[in-house]
Amino acid sequence: MKIKNLLLTIFISILAFQLNAQMPKVHSIGAMKDMGSTYDLHILLDTISPKSHLYGMGPYDRMKGEITVVDGKPYFASAFVDGEYKVGTDWNIRSPFFVYSDVKEWSVFKITSSFNCVEGIQDIVASIAKANGYNLKQPFPFVIKGPFDGLTGHIVTPRNPEVEGYREGIKSQKFSFKDTKGELIGFYSENHQGVFTHADSFVHIHFLKRDKSFMGHLDEITTKPSSYKLYLPKRK
């Protein structure tokens, strides 16, 4: 019996190692739950290597906005003025927490049902990933390409008076779009709540318009029954 248990343990360990080796590694620096009121900066994006196929996200500086890296291109967005936002590109930016992965190749899957909330996206991603042999106990990035019927995203704003862009009582600005084209960039994890996903969610999702004029954290979404493309990291 002891030998059988030992062999079973070895088999499970080998299987887990093989599953992990098949996926690009997801890295996280800092944690959402540890930001406190000072939002200490834990990473300079320019120190990440390699960058050529990097995907990542986190707050921009001390809550001055949002950061999203898409296929090696870093975007940061801020909303210092009521009703206005700006998007720039730069590696010389910092974040209090950041999640990222280098994904050279993707597998493409069809989404044939509508999704009308962030939780709906979470369920669809988990269902398709599980059905295709992905290990849901391991974090992974994903991409969904539009167009989308309706979408609302927010850009966080500074919480401290000494930080550029601070406005009393304003923690974020929301922006809504109809019939918009772009892509959703997200990370799925069942083990990083409070780290790079909120405590009640397994996903952290940002939206980048196709023309790169807007980028922000996804809050709400509406779609009609259609065919969407879900991109998951290619398993080796």
Protein backbone atom coordinates (compact mmCIF):
# COMPACT_ATOMS: atom_id res chain seq x y z
CA MET A 1 0.00 0.00 0.00
CA LYS A 2 2.83 2.41 0.85
CA ILE A 3 4.50 1.68 -2.50
CA LYS A 4 1.23 2.32 -4.35
CA ASN A 5 0.74 5.62 -2.54
CA LEU A 6 4.33 6.63 -3.30
CA LEU A 7 3.93 5.79 -6.99
CA LEU A 8 0.66 7.71 -7.11
CA THR A 9 2.31 10.75 -5.51
CA ILE A 10 5.18 10.60 -8.00
CA PHE A 11 2.75 10.29 -10.92
CA ILE A 12 0.70 13.28 -9.77
CA SER A 13 3.86 15.35 -9.27
CA ILE A 14 5.13 14.50 -12.76
CA LEU A 15 1.74 15.28 -14.29
CA ALA A 16 1.56 18.63 -12.48
CA PHE A 17 5.08 19.49 -13.63
CA GLN A 18 4.20 18.66 -17.24
CA LEU A 19 1.05 20.78 -17.11
CA ASN A 20 2.95 23.73 -15.66
CA ALA A 21 5.74 23.41 -18.22
CA GLN A 22 3.21 23.59 -21.05
CA MET A 23 2.12 27.11 -20.17
CA PRO A 24 3.97 30.45 -20.26
CA LYS A 25 4.71 31.46 -16.68
CA VAL A 26 2.65 34.23 -15.10
CA HIS A 27 4.62 36.60 -12.87
CA SER A 28 3.18 38.98 -10.28
CA ILE A 29 4.95 41.75 -8.38
CA GLY A 30 3.32 43.41 -5.37
CA ALA A 31 -0.32 42.84 -4.45
CA MET A 32 -3.59 44.72 -4.66
CA LYS A 33 -4.33 43.98 -0.99
CA ASP A 34 -0.99 45.41 0.16
CA MET A 35 -1.19 48.85 -1.47
CA GLY A 36 -2.57 50.50 1.67
CA SER A 37 -2.77 54.28 1.44
CA THR A 38 0.76 54.93 0.17
CA TYR A 39 0.68 52.80 -3.01
CA ASP A 40 4.39 52.07 -2.84
CA LEU A 41 5.88 51.34 -6.25
CA HIS A 42 7.30 47.84 -6.66
CA ILE A 43 8.26 47.57 -10.31
CA LEU A 44 9.73 49.65 -13.13
CA LEU A 45 8.37 48.17 -16.35
CA ASP A 46 11.62 48.77 -18.20
CA THR A 47 13.28 46.13 -15.97
CA ILE A 48 11.06 43.33 -17.29
CA SER A 49 12.71 40.98 -19.78
CA PRO A 50 11.93 39.70 -22.34
CA LYS A 51 9.50 42.30 -23.64
CA SER A 52 8.85 41.30 -27.27
CA HIS A 53 5.62 39.37 -26.60
CA LEU A 54 4.78 40.70 -23.14
CA TYR A 55 1.21 41.00 -21.84
CA GLY A 56 0.58 42.63 -18.49
CA MET A 57 -1.48 45.03 -16.38
CA GLY A 58 -1.57 47.02 -13.18
CA PRO A 59 -2.11 50.56 -11.86
CA TYR A 60 -0.05 53.38 -13.34
CA ASP A 61 2.26 54.88 -10.71
CA ARG A 62 0.54 55.81 -7.41
CA MET A 63 -2.96 55.31 -8.84
CA LYS A 64 -2.40 57.90 -11.56
CA GLY A 65 -4.14 55.60 -14.04
CA GLU A 66 -3.96 52.20 -15.69
CA ILE A 67 -1.22 50.21 -17.43
CA THR A 68 -1.76 47.54 -20.07
CA VAL A 69 0.99 45.87 -22.08
CA VAL A 70 -0.17 44.20 -25.30
CA ASP A 71 2.22 42.08 -27.36
CA GLY A 72 5.24 44.00 -26.14
CA LYS A 73 3.71 47.49 -26.37
CA PRO A 74 3.17 49.38 -23.08
CA TYR A 75 0.14 51.66 -22.78
CA PHE A 76 -0.69 53.89 -19.82
CA ALA A 77 -3.89 55.88 -19.38
CA SER A 78 -4.79 58.75 -17.05
CA ALA A 79 -7.93 60.80 -16.40
CA PHE A 80 -6.91 63.91 -14.47
CA VAL A 81 -9.67 66.15 -15.90
CA ASP A 82 -13.40 65.47 -15.59
CA GLY A 83 -14.67 63.66 -18.68
CA GLU A 84 -11.25 63.45 -20.33
CA TYR A 85 -8.60 60.76 -20.67
CA LYS A 86 -5.16 60.42 -22.21
CA VAL A 87 -3.26 57.37 -23.44
CA GLY A 88 0.51 57.20 -23.88
CA THR A 89 3.21 54.59 -24.46
CA ASP A 90 6.37 54.24 -22.40
CA TRP A 91 8.44 51.58 -20.62
CA ASN A 92 9.74 54.08 -18.08
CA ILE A 93 6.70 53.79 -15.81
CA ARG A 94 6.13 52.16 -12.42
CA SER A 95 3.36 50.25 -10.68
CA PRO A 96 2.46 49.22 -7.10
CA PHE A 97 1.39 45.78 -8.36
CA PHE A 98 1.76 44.20 -11.77
CA VAL A 99 0.94 40.86 -13.41
CA TYR A 100 2.58 39.82 -16.66
CA SER A 101 3.43 36.94 -18.97
CA ASP A 102 5.44 36.54 -22.17
CA VAL A 103 3.22 34.79 -24.73
CA LYS A 104 4.79 34.02 -28.08
CA GLU A 105 1.99 31.85 -29.48
CA TRP A 106 -1.77 31.63 -28.95
CA SER A 107 -4.45 29.05 -29.58
CA VAL A 108 -7.72 30.47 -30.90
CA PHE A 109 -11.16 29.28 -29.79
CA LYS A 110 -14.64 30.42 -30.81
CA ILE A 111 -17.09 31.99 -28.39
CA THR A 112 -20.58 31.56 -29.86
CA SER A 113 -22.64 32.86 -26.92
CA SER A 114 -23.17 36.39 -25.69
CA PHE A 115 -21.55 37.69 -22.50
CA ASN A 116 -23.06 40.61 -20.64
CA CYS A 117 -20.94 41.01 -17.52
CA VAL A 118 -17.41 40.43 -16.29
CA GLU A 119 -18.56 37.29 -14.45
CA GLY A 120 -19.92 35.97 -17.75
CA ILE A 121 -16.50 36.38 -19.34
CA GLN A 122 -14.93 34.59 -16.38
CA ASP A 123 -17.30 31.63 -16.80
CA ILE A 124 -16.77 31.39 -20.57
CA VAL A 125 -12.98 31.56 -20.30
CA ALA A 126 -12.94 28.90 -17.56
CA SER A 127 -15.31 26.62 -19.48
CA ILE A 128 -13.39 26.77 -22.76
CA ALA A 129 -10.01 26.46 -21.05
CA LYS A 130 -11.09 23.43 -19.01
CA ALA A 131 -12.68 21.73 -22.03
CA ASN A 132 -9.39 22.07 -23.90
CA GLY A 133 -7.13 20.65 -21.22
CA TYR A 134 -5.92 23.81 -19.50
CA ASN A 135 -5.16 23.57 -15.80
CA LEU A 136 -7.44 26.07 -14.04
CA LYS A 137 -5.25 25.91 -10.94
CA GLN A 138 -2.51 27.69 -12.88
CA PRO A 139 -2.87 31.40 -13.82
CA PHE A 140 -2.94 32.35 -17.48
CA PRO A 141 -3.57 35.40 -19.68
CA PHE A 142 -6.29 35.58 -22.31
CA VAL A 143 -7.49 37.91 -25.06
CA ILE A 144 -10.97 38.41 -26.56
CA LYS A 145 -11.37 40.48 -29.70
CA GLY A 146 -14.48 42.56 -30.49
CA PRO A 147 -16.43 44.45 -31.79
CA PHE A 148 -18.60 44.89 -28.71
CA ASP A 149 -22.11 46.36 -28.52
CA GLY A 150 -21.62 48.29 -25.30
CA LEU A 151 -18.78 48.67 -22.86
CA THR A 152 -17.87 50.68 -19.77
CA GLY A 153 -14.38 50.95 -18.38
CA HIS A 154 -12.75 53.03 -15.68
CA ILE A 155 -9.39 54.69 -15.17
CA VAL A 156 -8.28 55.06 -11.55
CA THR A 157 -7.26 58.49 -10.27
CA PRO A 158 -4.85 59.48 -7.46
CA ARG A 159 -6.00 59.12 -3.85
CA ASN A 160 -3.32 61.35 -2.27
CA PRO A 161 -3.22 65.18 -2.60
CA GLU A 162 0.53 65.19 -3.26
CA VAL A 163 0.15 63.03 -6.40
CA GLU A 164 -0.33 64.68 -9.79
CA GLY A 165 -3.95 64.55 -10.95
CA TYR A 166 -5.54 64.31 -7.49
CA ARG A 167 -9.15 65.49 -7.19
CA GLU A 168 -10.85 65.33 -3.82
CA GLY A 169 -13.44 62.56 -3.56
CA ILE A 170 -12.69 61.14 -7.02
CA LYS A 171 -11.12 57.67 -7.08
CA SER A 172 -11.79 56.82 -10.73
CA GLN A 173 -13.55 57.97 -13.88
CA LYS A 174 -15.85 55.81 -15.98
CA PHE A 175 -16.14 56.00 -19.75
CA SER A 176 -18.73 54.24 -21.91
CA PHE A 177 -18.66 53.24 -25.58
CA LYS A 178 -21.20 51.81 -28.02
CA ASP A 179 -20.46 49.60 -31.03
CA THR A 180 -16.76 49.76 -30.31
CA LYS A 181 -13.90 47.71 -31.70
CA GLY A 182 -10.95 46.56 -29.66
CA GLU A 183 -9.72 43.77 -27.45
CA LEU A 184 -10.11 42.58 -23.89
CA ILE A 185 -6.84 41.62 -22.24
CA GLY A 186 -7.20 39.60 -19.07
CA PHE A 187 -5.61 37.30 -16.55
CA TYR A 188 -7.42 34.32 -15.02
CA SER A 189 -6.44 32.86 -11.67
CA GLU A 190 -8.24 30.97 -8.93
CA ASN A 191 -5.36 31.54 -6.51
CA HIS A 192 -4.51 35.25 -6.70
CA GLN A 193 -7.55 36.98 -5.23
CA GLY A 194 -6.37 40.16 -3.57
CA VAL A 195 -3.09 39.92 -5.47
CA PHE A 196 -3.98 40.81 -9.06
CA THR A 197 -7.71 40.03 -9.03
CA HIS A 198 -10.32 41.42 -6.66
CA ALA A 199 -11.35 39.28 -3.68
CA ASP A 200 -14.62 38.24 -5.35
CA SER A 201 -13.26 37.47 -8.82
CA PHE A 202 -10.93 35.14 -10.72
CA VAL A 203 -10.27 37.63 -13.53
CA HIS A 204 -8.70 41.05 -14.05
CA ILE A 205 -9.63 42.51 -17.44
CA HIS A 206 -8.62 45.66 -19.31
CA PHE A 207 -9.96 47.02 -22.61
CA LEU A 208 -7.92 48.60 -25.39
CA LYS A 209 -9.68 50.26 -28.32
CA ARG A 210 -8.52 49.20 -31.75
CA ASP A 211 -7.27 52.70 -32.55
CA LYS A 212 -5.44 52.79 -29.17
CA SER A 213 -7.27 55.99 -28.19
CA PHE A 214 -8.69 54.50 -24.95
CA MET A 215 -7.52 51.94 -22.43
CA GLY A 216 -8.97 51.13 -19.03
CA HIS A 217 -10.25 48.55 -16.56
CA LEU A 218 -13.38 46.71 -17.76
CA ASP A 219 -16.48 47.25 -15.60
CA GLU A 220 -19.47 46.42 -17.78
CA ILE A 221 -20.04 44.87 -21.20
CA THR A 222 -22.95 43.88 -23.44
CA THR A 223 -22.81 41.70 -26.53
CA LYS A 224 -25.23 40.09 -28.94
CA PRO A 225 -25.08 36.39 -29.84
CA SER A 226 -22.21 36.30 -32.28
CA SER A 227 -18.86 34.65 -32.89
CA TYR A 228 -15.94 36.02 -30.90
CA LYS A 229 -12.36 34.83 -30.79
CA LEU A 230 -10.83 33.78 -27.48
CA TYR A 231 -7.03 33.58 -27.42
CA LEU A 232 -5.37 31.33 -24.84
CA PRO A 233 -1.62 30.69 -24.55
CA LYS A 234 -0.61 27.82 -26.81
CA ARG A 235 0.17 24.68 -24.83
CA LYS A 236 3.45 23.02 -25.73
